[in-house]
Amino acid sequence: MHNRSEHTRSAAHLRQLAQQLLDQLNTVVLGKSAQVHDAVACLLAGGHLLIEDVPGVGKTTLAHALARSFGLQFSRVQFTSDLMPSDLSGVSVYERGSERFVFHPGPVFAQVLLADEINRASPRTQSALLEAMEEKQVTVEGETRPLPHPFFVIATQNPLDQLGTYALPESQLDRFHMRLSLGYPDRQAERDLLKGQDRRSLLTQLPAVLDPADLAQLQRQVQAVHTADPVLDYVQDLVAATRDGRWFVQGLSPRATLAVLRAGQAQAYLSGRDYVAPDDIAAVLPQTIAHRLSPLHNAGRGALEQVRAMLDATVLP
């Protein structure tokens, strides 16, 4: 096992690894480099990721590929209406031989939890996951147990008009740093998919590009990306616009403001810069805030379109 001092890589080497990670993911998830970039930025910013789309476009493939490439230990849970909170967190079982209760940890005790079709689970199970996401711990039978570090939830969900789905509560949506949508592949990407290797067998061969120590170091580098006062003003102007009653029912929380800044820093880092530009903030804003906002009823637009309209109306520094 490396100790921390032996395992500190140079800044240049880390940047190289981040680029290698992106390249590797793009060989598995074809024709979606912008979404892959955002997904990596989300994890480098230390956030949980929600991928929302119709079944069969590669949501789970992207989630698996991320966990493998980041070198993190992961577990996958298929969320269903009868999934109980204890199915996630684990249970204590009485063992006659030792005459005591022994805790058997559930799948949430992983560095990455792939929560497949999260909106098919009942609100009770969703709120159990909420504690894990927010507190990085779970309480089982009155005892609080810490989760591994790092701990990420990569969740997929189907559009809400599908049968048997429960809308995620706003409090849970707010815990996701970003929400992405993959969309259908373009014609060339789909052709490559038809002619190429099966995605599942590709996933099993994916090497880990990073390990948890590299990831921790990368995250520290992302947080160190410089943000000048005019860019901070721009972030605050955008957040103030969400709160002024012209665009949305309710504005963004300070937690969401911080999420925008962190995502902007990760975007800048992955673009090879050590400072945040206004364009970095604009690039990550829709994915970082649209799922936290409800447009005014007379807007005639969805949250994503409304965010883009607000972005266009806000003066760049």
C-alpha atoms as a PDB file:
ATOM      1  CA  MET A   1       0.000   0.000   0.000  1.00  0.00           C
ATOM      2  CA  HIS A   2       1.355   3.436  -0.901  1.00  0.00           C
ATOM      3  CA  ASN A   3       1.606   5.987   1.818  1.00  0.00           C
ATOM      4  CA  ARG A   4       0.398   9.482   0.990  1.00  0.00           C
ATOM      5  CA  SER A   5       3.865  11.010   0.457  1.00  0.00           C
ATOM      6  CA  GLU A   6       4.900   8.305  -2.034  1.00  0.00           C
ATOM      7  CA  HIS A   7       1.645   8.619  -3.906  1.00  0.00           C
ATOM      8  CA  THR A   8       1.615  12.343  -4.650  1.00  0.00           C
ATOM      9  CA  ARG A   9       1.747  12.811  -8.405  1.00  0.00           C
ATOM     10  CA  SER A  10       2.895  15.936 -10.193  1.00  0.00           C
ATOM     11  CA  ALA A  11       0.211  18.380 -11.352  1.00  0.00           C
ATOM     12  CA  ALA A  12       1.162  17.714 -14.988  1.00  0.00           C
ATOM     13  CA  HIS A  13       0.857  13.943 -14.537  1.00  0.00           C
ATOM     14  CA  LEU A  14      -2.559  14.354 -12.911  1.00  0.00           C
ATOM     15  CA  ARG A  15      -3.802  16.472 -15.817  1.00  0.00           C
ATOM     16  CA  GLN A  16      -2.559  13.781 -18.169  1.00  0.00           C
ATOM     17  CA  LEU A  17      -4.455  11.115 -16.202  1.00  0.00           C
ATOM     18  CA  ALA A  18      -7.643  13.199 -16.289  1.00  0.00           C
ATOM     19  CA  GLN A  19      -7.336  13.457 -20.075  1.00  0.00           C
ATOM     20  CA  GLN A  20      -6.640   9.720 -20.339  1.00  0.00           C
ATOM     21  CA  LEU A  21      -9.780   9.075 -18.263  1.00  0.00           C
ATOM     22  CA  LEU A  22     -11.905  11.164 -20.649  1.00  0.00           C
ATOM     23  CA  ASP A  23     -10.414   9.422 -23.692  1.00  0.00           C
ATOM     24  CA  GLN A  24     -11.123   5.994 -22.213  1.00  0.00           C
ATOM     25  CA  LEU A  25     -14.745   6.838 -21.379  1.00  0.00           C
ATOM     26  CA  ASN A  26     -15.296   8.106 -24.925  1.00  0.00           C
ATOM     27  CA  THR A  27     -14.309   4.692 -26.306  1.00  0.00           C
ATOM     28  CA  VAL A  28     -17.185   3.124 -24.335  1.00  0.00           C
ATOM     29  CA  VAL A  29     -19.889   5.804 -24.513  1.00  0.00           C
ATOM     30  CA  LEU A  30     -19.771   6.774 -28.175  1.00  0.00           C
ATOM     31  CA  GLY A  31     -20.606  10.201 -29.593  1.00  0.00           C
ATOM     32  CA  LYS A  32     -21.377  11.759 -26.197  1.00  0.00           C
ATOM     33  CA  SER A  33     -18.138  13.571 -25.352  1.00  0.00           C
ATOM     34  CA  ALA A  34     -19.919  16.641 -23.879  1.00  0.00           C
ATOM     35  CA  GLN A  35     -21.939  14.487 -21.460  1.00  0.00           C
ATOM     36  CA  VAL A  36     -18.866  12.389 -20.566  1.00  0.00           C
ATOM     37  CA  HIS A  37     -16.953  15.619 -19.864  1.00  0.00           C
ATOM     38  CA  ASP A  38     -19.775  16.848 -17.586  1.00  0.00           C
ATOM     39  CA  ALA A  39     -19.968  13.507 -15.758  1.00  0.00           C
ATOM     40  CA  VAL A  40     -16.230  13.572 -15.003  1.00  0.00           C
ATOM     41  CA  ALA A  41     -16.448  17.251 -13.963  1.00  0.00           C
ATOM     42  CA  CYS A  42     -19.271  16.333 -11.563  1.00  0.00           C
ATOM     43  CA  LEU A  43     -17.223  13.635  -9.811  1.00  0.00           C
ATOM     44  CA  LEU A  44     -14.101  15.829  -9.703  1.00  0.00           C
ATOM     45  CA  ALA A  45     -16.248  18.526  -8.071  1.00  0.00           C
ATOM     46  CA  GLY A  46     -17.144  15.928  -5.417  1.00  0.00           C
ATOM     47  CA  GLY A  47     -20.808  15.667  -6.377  1.00  0.00           C
ATOM     48  CA  HIS A  48     -23.433  12.989  -6.984  1.00  0.00           C
ATOM     49  CA  LEU A  49     -24.645  12.526 -10.554  1.00  0.00           C
ATOM     50  CA  LEU A  50     -28.151  11.950 -11.938  1.00  0.00           C
ATOM     51  CA  ILE A  51     -28.492  10.655 -15.511  1.00  0.00           C
ATOM     52  CA  GLU A  52     -32.041  10.971 -16.801  1.00  0.00           C
ATOM     53  CA  ASP A  53     -33.176   9.505 -20.108  1.00  0.00           C
ATOM     54  CA  VAL A  54     -35.258   6.873 -21.862  1.00  0.00           C
ATOM     55  CA  PRO A  55     -34.162   3.235 -21.357  1.00  0.00           C
ATOM     56  CA  GLY A  56     -31.427   1.842 -23.596  1.00  0.00           C
ATOM     57  CA  VAL A  57     -29.341   4.914 -24.448  1.00  0.00           C
ATOM     58  CA  GLY A  58     -26.339   3.992 -22.270  1.00  0.00           C
ATOM     59  CA  LYS A  59     -27.052   5.505 -18.834  1.00  0.00           C
ATOM     60  CA  THR A  60     -25.940   2.408 -16.909  1.00  0.00           C
ATOM     61  CA  THR A  61     -22.984   1.859 -19.260  1.00  0.00           C
ATOM     62  CA  LEU A  62     -21.732   5.386 -18.514  1.00  0.00           C
ATOM     63  CA  ALA A  63     -22.206   4.873 -14.759  1.00  0.00           C
ATOM     64  CA  HIS A  64     -20.280   1.555 -14.812  1.00  0.00           C
ATOM     65  CA  ALA A  65     -17.513   3.010 -16.996  1.00  0.00           C
ATOM     66  CA  LEU A  66     -17.089   5.982 -14.632  1.00  0.00           C
ATOM     67  CA  ALA A  67     -16.782   3.762 -11.559  1.00  0.00           C
ATOM     68  CA  ARG A  68     -14.260   1.447 -13.260  1.00  0.00           C
ATOM     69  CA  SER A  69     -12.139   4.210 -14.790  1.00  0.00           C
ATOM     70  CA  PHE A  70     -11.956   6.118 -11.493  1.00  0.00           C
ATOM     71  CA  GLY A  71     -10.668   2.901  -9.862  1.00  0.00           C
ATOM     72  CA  LEU A  72     -13.463   2.880  -7.311  1.00  0.00           C
ATOM     73  CA  GLN A  73     -15.162  -0.107  -5.749  1.00  0.00           C
ATOM     74  CA  PHE A  74     -18.815  -0.060  -6.772  1.00  0.00           C
ATOM     75  CA  SER A  75     -22.114  -1.798  -6.306  1.00  0.00           C
ATOM     76  CA  ARG A  76     -25.259  -1.600  -8.395  1.00  0.00           C
ATOM     77  CA  VAL A  77     -28.808  -1.672  -7.072  1.00  0.00           C
ATOM     78  CA  GLN A  78     -31.844  -2.013  -9.311  1.00  0.00           C
ATOM     79  CA  PHE A  79     -34.416   0.248  -7.647  1.00  0.00           C
ATOM     80  CA  THR A  80     -37.927  -1.223  -7.589  1.00  0.00           C
ATOM     81  CA  SER A  81     -41.148  -0.314  -5.823  1.00  0.00           C
ATOM     82  CA  ASP A  82     -40.628  -3.047  -3.196  1.00  0.00           C
ATOM     83  CA  LEU A  83     -36.981  -2.136  -2.399  1.00  0.00           C
ATOM     84  CA  MET A  84     -36.746  -1.510   1.358  1.00  0.00           C
ATOM     85  CA  PRO A  85     -34.323   0.910   3.088  1.00  0.00           C
ATOM     86  CA  SER A  86     -32.651  -2.126   4.738  1.00  0.00           C
ATOM     87  CA  ASP A  87     -32.000  -3.612   1.260  1.00  0.00           C
ATOM     88  CA  LEU A  88     -29.683  -0.618   0.743  1.00  0.00           C
ATOM     89  CA  SER A  89     -28.143  -0.118   4.159  1.00  0.00           C
ATOM     90  CA  GLY A  90     -27.888  -3.700   5.427  1.00  0.00           C
ATOM     91  CA  VAL A  91     -29.233  -5.611   8.425  1.00  0.00           C
ATOM     92  CA  SER A  92     -28.104  -7.143  11.692  1.00  0.00           C
ATOM     93  CA  VAL A  93     -28.547 -10.907  11.758  1.00  0.00           C
ATOM     94  CA  TYR A  94     -28.478 -13.037  14.927  1.00  0.00           C
ATOM     95  CA  GLU A  95     -25.735 -15.645  14.685  1.00  0.00           C
ATOM     96  CA  ARG A  96     -26.359 -18.564  17.006  1.00  0.00           C
ATOM     97  CA  GLY A  97     -22.718 -19.697  17.075  1.00  0.00           C
ATOM     98  CA  SER A  98     -21.466 -16.409  18.523  1.00  0.00           C
ATOM     99  CA  GLU A  99     -24.793 -15.637  20.274  1.00  0.00           C
ATOM    100  CA  ARG A 100     -24.839 -12.052  19.030  1.00  0.00           C
ATOM    101  CA  PHE A 101     -26.188  -9.867  16.272  1.00  0.00           C
ATOM    102  CA  VAL A 102     -23.737  -9.328  13.404  1.00  0.00           C
ATOM    103  CA  PHE A 103     -24.183  -6.431  10.965  1.00  0.00           C
ATOM    104  CA  HIS A 104     -24.226  -7.386   7.284  1.00  0.00           C
ATOM    105  CA  PRO A 105     -23.548  -4.199   5.280  1.00  0.00           C
ATOM    106  CA  GLY A 106     -25.765  -3.481   2.272  1.00  0.00           C
ATOM    107  CA  PRO A 107     -24.708  -2.261  -1.174  1.00  0.00           C
ATOM    108  CA  VAL A 108     -24.606   1.384  -0.038  1.00  0.00           C
ATOM    109  CA  PHE A 109     -21.220   0.593   1.598  1.00  0.00           C
ATOM    110  CA  ALA A 110     -19.344   1.094  -1.668  1.00  0.00           C
ATOM    111  CA  GLN A 111     -17.320   4.006  -3.027  1.00  0.00           C
ATOM    112  CA  VAL A 112     -19.752   4.296  -5.940  1.00  0.00           C
ATOM    113  CA  LEU A 113     -23.389   3.268  -5.665  1.00  0.00           C
ATOM    114  CA  LEU A 114     -25.076   2.839  -9.047  1.00  0.00           C
ATOM    115  CA  ALA A 115     -28.725   3.478  -8.281  1.00  0.00           C
ATOM    116  CA  ASP A 116     -30.480   2.207 -11.389  1.00  0.00           C
ATOM    117  CA  GLU A 117     -33.948   3.649 -12.107  1.00  0.00           C
ATOM    118  CA  ILE A 118     -33.933   5.493  -8.801  1.00  0.00           C
ATOM    119  CA  ASN A 119     -37.397   6.934  -9.352  1.00  0.00           C
ATOM    120  CA  ARG A 120     -39.004   3.479  -9.239  1.00  0.00           C
ATOM    121  CA  ALA A 121     -38.304   3.184  -5.486  1.00  0.00           C
ATOM    122  CA  SER A 122     -40.773   4.299  -2.831  1.00  0.00           C
ATOM    123  CA  PRO A 123     -40.305   7.642  -1.050  1.00  0.00           C
ATOM    124  CA  ARG A 124     -39.187   5.757   2.118  1.00  0.00           C
ATOM    125  CA  THR A 125     -36.274   4.141   0.305  1.00  0.00           C
ATOM    126  CA  GLN A 126     -35.427   7.393  -1.461  1.00  0.00           C
ATOM    127  CA  SER A 127     -35.184   9.184   1.893  1.00  0.00           C
ATOM    128  CA  ALA A 128     -32.827   6.465   3.218  1.00  0.00           C
ATOM    129  CA  LEU A 129     -30.585   7.166   0.237  1.00  0.00           C
ATOM    130  CA  LEU A 130     -30.899  10.894   0.950  1.00  0.00           C
ATOM    131  CA  GLU A 131     -29.237  10.479   4.378  1.00  0.00           C
ATOM    132  CA  ALA A 132     -26.397   8.545   2.760  1.00  0.00           C
ATOM    133  CA  MET A 133     -25.873  11.210   0.072  1.00  0.00           C
ATOM    134  CA  GLU A 134     -26.014  14.156   2.439  1.00  0.00           C
ATOM    135  CA  GLU A 135     -24.370  12.846   5.604  1.00  0.00           C
ATOM    136  CA  LYS A 136     -22.020  10.209   4.071  1.00  0.00           C
ATOM    137  CA  GLN A 137     -23.356   7.836   6.734  1.00  0.00           C
ATOM    138  CA  VAL A 138     -26.347   5.581   7.379  1.00  0.00           C
ATOM    139  CA  THR A 139     -28.258   4.879  10.558  1.00  0.00           C
ATOM    140  CA  VAL A 140     -29.235   1.238  10.978  1.00  0.00           C
ATOM    141  CA  GLU A 141     -31.157   0.104  14.082  1.00  0.00           C
ATOM    142  CA  GLY A 142     -30.157   3.239  15.940  1.00  0.00           C
ATOM    143  CA  GLU A 143     -26.442   2.956  15.160  1.00  0.00           C
ATOM    144  CA  THR A 144     -24.756   5.389  12.800  1.00  0.00           C
ATOM    145  CA  ARG A 145     -22.181   3.891  10.450  1.00  0.00           C
ATOM    146  CA  PRO A 146     -19.847   5.950   8.224  1.00  0.00           C
ATOM    147  CA  LEU A 147     -19.728   5.207   4.494  1.00  0.00           C
ATOM    148  CA  PRO A 148     -16.458   4.683   2.568  1.00  0.00           C
ATOM    149  CA  HIS A 149     -14.529   7.672   1.311  1.00  0.00           C
ATOM    150  CA  PRO A 150     -14.982   8.804  -1.409  1.00  0.00           C
ATOM    151  CA  PHE A 151     -18.712   8.073  -1.698  1.00  0.00           C
ATOM    152  CA  PHE A 152     -20.613   8.878  -4.880  1.00  0.00           C
ATOM    153  CA  VAL A 153     -24.112   8.079  -5.997  1.00  0.00           C
ATOM    154  CA  ILE A 154     -24.522   7.802  -9.759  1.00  0.00           C
ATOM    155  CA  ALA A 155     -28.249   7.423 -10.289  1.00  0.00           C
ATOM    156  CA  THR A 156     -30.224   6.818 -13.457  1.00  0.00           C
ATOM    157  CA  GLN A 157     -33.871   7.623 -13.880  1.00  0.00           C
ATOM    158  CA  ASN A 158     -36.473   7.239 -16.581  1.00  0.00           C
ATOM    159  CA  PRO A 159     -38.669  10.140 -17.683  1.00  0.00           C
ATOM    160  CA  LEU A 160     -41.538  10.687 -15.252  1.00  0.00           C
ATOM    161  CA  ASP A 161     -44.279   9.960 -17.752  1.00  0.00           C
ATOM    162  CA  GLN A 162     -43.290   6.272 -17.627  1.00  0.00           C
ATOM    163  CA  LEU A 163     -45.463   3.921 -15.603  1.00  0.00           C
ATOM    164  CA  GLY A 164     -44.480   3.055 -12.037  1.00  0.00           C
ATOM    165  CA  THR A 165     -42.219   6.031 -11.347  1.00  0.00           C
ATOM    166  CA  TYR A 166     -42.269   8.298  -8.289  1.00  0.00           C
ATOM    167  CA  ALA A 167     -41.045  11.854  -8.755  1.00  0.00           C
ATOM    168  CA  LEU A 168     -37.864  12.431  -6.736  1.00  0.00           C
ATOM    169  CA  PRO A 169     -38.586  14.939  -3.943  1.00  0.00           C
ATOM    170  CA  GLU A 170     -37.005  18.375  -4.361  1.00  0.00           C
ATOM    171  CA  SER A 171     -34.776  17.788  -1.327  1.00  0.00           C
ATOM    172  CA  GLN A 172     -33.308  14.713  -3.023  1.00  0.00           C
ATOM    173  CA  LEU A 173     -32.880  16.389  -6.420  1.00  0.00           C
ATOM    174  CA  ASP A 174     -30.974  19.171  -4.655  1.00  0.00           C
ATOM    175  CA  ARG A 175     -28.391  16.603  -3.445  1.00  0.00           C
ATOM    176  CA  PHE A 176     -27.404  15.790  -7.037  1.00  0.00           C
ATOM    177  CA  HIS A 177     -24.624  18.081  -8.216  1.00  0.00           C
ATOM    178  CA  MET A 178     -25.586  17.622 -11.869  1.00  0.00           C
ATOM    179  CA  ARG A 179     -28.324  16.106 -13.964  1.00  0.00           C
ATOM    180  CA  LEU A 180     -27.381  14.930 -17.444  1.00  0.00           C
ATOM    181  CA  SER A 181     -29.352  13.563 -20.348  1.00  0.00           C
ATOM    182  CA  LEU A 182     -27.583  11.407 -22.948  1.00  0.00           C
ATOM    183  CA  GLY A 183     -30.115  11.482 -25.787  1.00  0.00           C
ATOM    184  CA  TYR A 184     -30.045   9.202 -28.816  1.00  0.00           C
ATOM    185  CA  PRO A 185     -26.666   8.619 -30.512  1.00  0.00           C
ATOM    186  CA  ASP A 186     -26.003  10.274 -33.865  1.00  0.00           C
ATOM    187  CA  ARG A 187     -25.936   8.060 -36.949  1.00  0.00           C
ATOM    188  CA  GLN A 188     -22.160   7.518 -36.974  1.00  0.00           C
ATOM    189  CA  ALA A 189     -21.991   6.668 -33.258  1.00  0.00           C
ATOM    190  CA  GLU A 190     -24.864   4.224 -33.669  1.00  0.00           C
ATOM    191  CA  ARG A 191     -23.111   2.595 -36.643  1.00  0.00           C
ATOM    192  CA  ASP A 192     -19.920   2.219 -34.557  1.00  0.00           C
ATOM    193  CA  LEU A 193     -22.072   0.667 -31.839  1.00  0.00           C
ATOM    194  CA  LEU A 194     -23.559  -1.826 -34.323  1.00  0.00           C
ATOM    195  CA  LYS A 195     -20.156  -2.813 -35.706  1.00  0.00           C
ATOM    196  CA  GLY A 196     -18.201  -2.697 -32.453  1.00  0.00           C
ATOM    197  CA  GLN A 197     -17.703  -4.912 -29.453  1.00  0.00           C
ATOM    198  CA  ASP A 198     -20.537  -5.559 -26.997  1.00  0.00           C
ATOM    199  CA  ARG A 199     -20.569  -2.755 -24.382  1.00  0.00           C
ATOM    200  CA  ARG A 200     -20.807  -5.175 -21.450  1.00  0.00           C
ATOM    201  CA  SER A 201     -17.695  -7.105 -22.449  1.00  0.00           C
ATOM    202  CA  LEU A 202     -15.905  -3.782 -23.113  1.00  0.00           C
ATOM    203  CA  LEU A 203     -16.751  -2.662 -19.568  1.00  0.00           C
ATOM    204  CA  THR A 204     -15.241  -5.765 -17.973  1.00  0.00           C
ATOM    205  CA  GLN A 205     -11.921  -5.017 -19.719  1.00  0.00           C
ATOM    206  CA  LEU A 206     -11.729  -1.349 -18.692  1.00  0.00           C
ATOM    207  CA  PRO A 207      -8.597  -0.636 -16.644  1.00  0.00           C
ATOM    208  CA  ALA A 208      -8.660   1.809 -13.724  1.00  0.00           C
ATOM    209  CA  VAL A 209      -6.983   5.048 -14.812  1.00  0.00           C
ATOM    210  CA  LEU A 210      -7.001   6.526 -11.292  1.00  0.00           C
ATOM    211  CA  ASP A 211      -7.149   5.235  -7.751  1.00  0.00           C
ATOM    212  CA  PRO A 212      -8.798   6.879  -4.707  1.00  0.00           C
ATOM    213  CA  ALA A 213      -5.581   8.731  -3.744  1.00  0.00           C
ATOM    214  CA  ASP A 214      -5.300  10.192  -7.284  1.00  0.00           C
ATOM    215  CA  LEU A 215      -8.950  11.213  -7.136  1.00  0.00           C
ATOM    216  CA  ALA A 216      -8.495  12.975  -3.792  1.00  0.00           C
ATOM    217  CA  GLN A 217      -5.488  14.839  -5.193  1.00  0.00           C
ATOM    218  CA  LEU A 218      -7.411  15.775  -8.364  1.00  0.00           C
ATOM    219  CA  GLN A 219     -10.293  17.095  -6.289  1.00  0.00           C
ATOM    220  CA  ARG A 220      -7.909  19.267  -4.282  1.00  0.00           C
ATOM    221  CA  GLN A 221      -6.480  20.632  -7.549  1.00  0.00           C
ATOM    222  CA  VAL A 222      -9.980  21.416  -8.806  1.00  0.00           C
ATOM    223  CA  GLN A 223     -10.785  23.329  -5.608  1.00  0.00           C
ATOM    224  CA  ALA A 224      -7.554  25.296  -6.035  1.00  0.00           C
ATOM    225  CA  VAL A 225      -8.558  26.568  -9.516  1.00  0.00           C
ATOM    226  CA  HIS A 226      -8.610  30.372  -9.178  1.00  0.00           C
ATOM    227  CA  THR A 227     -11.909  32.243  -9.436  1.00  0.00           C
ATOM    228  CA  ALA A 228     -11.524  36.021  -9.855  1.00  0.00           C
ATOM    229  CA  ASP A 229     -14.010  38.475  -8.333  1.00  0.00           C
ATOM    230  CA  PRO A 230     -15.716  39.350 -11.666  1.00  0.00           C
ATOM    231  CA  VAL A 231     -16.490  35.639 -12.179  1.00  0.00           C
ATOM    232  CA  LEU A 232     -17.839  35.356  -8.629  1.00  0.00           C
ATOM    233  CA  ASP A 233     -19.992  38.432  -9.405  1.00  0.00           C
ATOM    234  CA  TYR A 234     -21.291  36.624 -12.491  1.00  0.00           C
ATOM    235  CA  VAL A 235     -22.175  33.515 -10.436  1.00  0.00           C
ATOM    236  CA  GLN A 236     -24.008  35.717  -7.907  1.00  0.00           C
ATOM    237  CA  ASP A 237     -25.803  37.629 -10.687  1.00  0.00           C
ATOM    238  CA  LEU A 238     -27.060  34.353 -12.159  1.00  0.00           C
ATOM    239  CA  VAL A 239     -28.188  33.073  -8.752  1.00  0.00           C
ATOM    240  CA  ALA A 240     -29.898  36.426  -8.010  1.00  0.00           C
ATOM    241  CA  ALA A 241     -31.749  36.132 -11.345  1.00  0.00           C
ATOM    242  CA  THR A 242     -33.193  32.758 -10.251  1.00  0.00           C
ATOM    243  CA  ARG A 243     -34.492  34.439  -7.073  1.00  0.00           C
ATOM    244  CA  ASP A 244     -36.053  37.613  -8.499  1.00  0.00           C
ATOM    245  CA  GLY A 245     -39.409  36.021  -9.404  1.00  0.00           C
ATOM    246  CA  ARG A 246     -39.125  36.651 -13.162  1.00  0.00           C
ATOM    247  CA  TRP A 247     -37.964  33.175 -14.186  1.00  0.00           C
ATOM    248  CA  PHE A 248     -38.659  30.604 -11.477  1.00  0.00           C
ATOM    249  CA  VAL A 249     -41.123  29.833  -8.709  1.00  0.00           C
ATOM    250  CA  GLN A 250     -38.297  29.730  -6.155  1.00  0.00           C
ATOM    251  CA  GLY A 251     -34.617  30.621  -6.418  1.00  0.00           C
ATOM    252  CA  LEU A 252     -31.435  28.675  -5.807  1.00  0.00           C
ATOM    253  CA  SER A 253     -30.082  27.879  -2.342  1.00  0.00           C
ATOM    254  CA  PRO A 254     -26.536  28.774  -1.222  1.00  0.00           C
ATOM    255  CA  ARG A 255     -25.688  25.042  -1.580  1.00  0.00           C
ATOM    256  CA  ALA A 256     -26.620  25.265  -5.268  1.00  0.00           C
ATOM    257  CA  THR A 257     -24.514  28.443  -5.658  1.00  0.00           C
ATOM    258  CA  LEU A 258     -21.493  26.554  -4.330  1.00  0.00           C
ATOM    259  CA  ALA A 259     -22.296  23.630  -6.661  1.00  0.00           C
ATOM    260  CA  VAL A 260     -22.177  26.003  -9.666  1.00  0.00           C
ATOM    261  CA  LEU A 261     -18.773  27.346  -8.578  1.00  0.00           C
ATOM    262  CA  ARG A 262     -17.316  23.837  -7.998  1.00  0.00           C
ATOM    263  CA  ALA A 263     -18.629  22.616 -11.356  1.00  0.00           C
ATOM    264  CA  GLY A 264     -17.118  25.706 -13.044  1.00  0.00           C
ATOM    265  CA  GLN A 265     -13.743  24.972 -11.409  1.00  0.00           C
ATOM    266  CA  ALA A 266     -13.866  21.334 -12.611  1.00  0.00           C
ATOM    267  CA  GLN A 267     -14.842  22.496 -16.108  1.00  0.00           C
ATOM    268  CA  ALA A 268     -11.884  24.915 -16.183  1.00  0.00           C
ATOM    269  CA  TYR A 269      -9.497  22.224 -14.880  1.00  0.00           C
ATOM    270  CA  LEU A 270     -10.572  19.707 -17.535  1.00  0.00           C
ATOM    271  CA  SER A 271     -10.148  22.429 -20.174  1.00  0.00           C
ATOM    272  CA  GLY A 272      -6.498  22.765 -19.094  1.00  0.00           C
ATOM    273  CA  ARG A 273      -6.746  26.106 -17.271  1.00  0.00           C
ATOM    274  CA  ASP A 274      -5.931  27.112 -13.697  1.00  0.00           C
ATOM    275  CA  TYR A 275      -8.571  29.889 -13.569  1.00  0.00           C
ATOM    276  CA  VAL A 276     -12.341  29.923 -14.084  1.00  0.00           C
ATOM    277  CA  ALA A 277     -13.643  31.860 -17.090  1.00  0.00           C
ATOM    278  CA  PRO A 278     -17.258  33.093 -17.378  1.00  0.00           C
ATOM    279  CA  ASP A 279     -17.697  30.569 -20.216  1.00  0.00           C
ATOM    280  CA  ASP A 280     -16.954  27.731 -17.765  1.00  0.00           C
ATOM    281  CA  ILE A 281     -19.824  28.872 -15.548  1.00  0.00           C
ATOM    282  CA  ALA A 282     -22.157  29.236 -18.542  1.00  0.00           C
ATOM    283  CA  ALA A 283     -21.160  25.767 -19.805  1.00  0.00           C
ATOM    284  CA  VAL A 284     -22.077  23.969 -16.572  1.00  0.00           C
ATOM    285  CA  LEU A 285     -25.011  26.100 -15.397  1.00  0.00           C
ATOM    286  CA  PRO A 286     -27.950  24.286 -17.101  1.00  0.00           C
ATOM    287  CA  GLN A 287     -26.792  20.816 -15.965  1.00  0.00           C
ATOM    288  CA  THR A 288     -26.081  22.076 -12.433  1.00  0.00           C
ATOM    289  CA  ILE A 289     -29.247  24.056 -11.672  1.00  0.00           C
ATOM    290  CA  ALA A 290     -32.157  23.089 -13.955  1.00  0.00           C
ATOM    291  CA  HIS A 291     -33.163  20.066 -11.843  1.00  0.00           C
ATOM    292  CA  ARG A 292     -33.366  22.304  -8.746  1.00  0.00           C
ATOM    293  CA  LEU A 293     -35.783  24.832 -10.274  1.00  0.00           C
ATOM    294  CA  SER A 294     -39.436  25.038 -11.347  1.00  0.00           C
ATOM    295  CA  PRO A 295     -40.207  27.540 -14.125  1.00  0.00           C
ATOM    296  CA  LEU A 296     -43.129  29.919 -13.673  1.00  0.00           C
ATOM    297  CA  HIS A 297     -46.377  28.365 -14.877  1.00  0.00           C
ATOM    298  CA  ASN A 298     -46.806  30.998 -17.602  1.00  0.00           C
ATOM    299  CA  ALA A 299     -43.234  30.542 -18.907  1.00  0.00           C
ATOM    300  CA  GLY A 300     -44.263  27.968 -21.515  1.00  0.00           C
ATOM    301  CA  ARG A 301     -40.780  26.418 -21.221  1.00  0.00           C
ATOM    302  CA  GLY A 302     -39.205  23.553 -19.312  1.00  0.00           C
ATOM    303  CA  ALA A 303     -36.651  24.275 -16.576  1.00  0.00           C
ATOM    304  CA  LEU A 304     -33.697  23.625 -18.892  1.00  0.00           C
ATOM    305  CA  GLU A 305     -34.960  26.016 -21.605  1.00  0.00           C
ATOM    306  CA  GLN A 306     -35.785  28.603 -18.944  1.00  0.00           C
ATOM    307  CA  VAL A 307     -32.245  28.393 -17.514  1.00  0.00           C
ATOM    308  CA  ARG A 308     -30.801  28.897 -21.001  1.00  0.00           C
ATOM    309  CA  ALA A 309     -33.069  31.913 -21.594  1.00  0.00           C
ATOM    310  CA  MET A 310     -32.020  33.404 -18.235  1.00  0.00           C
ATOM    311  CA  LEU A 311     -28.366  32.753 -19.097  1.00  0.00           C
ATOM    312  CA  ASP A 312     -28.757  34.622 -22.400  1.00  0.00           C
ATOM    313  CA  ALA A 313     -30.374  37.540 -20.578  1.00  0.00           C
ATOM    314  CA  THR A 314     -27.605  37.848 -17.944  1.00  0.00           C
ATOM    315  CA  VAL A 315     -24.709  40.156 -18.820  1.00  0.00           C
ATOM    316  CA  LEU A 316     -21.313  38.443 -19.087  1.00  0.00           C
ATOM    317  CA  PRO A 317     -18.483  40.101 -17.109  1.00  0.00           C
END
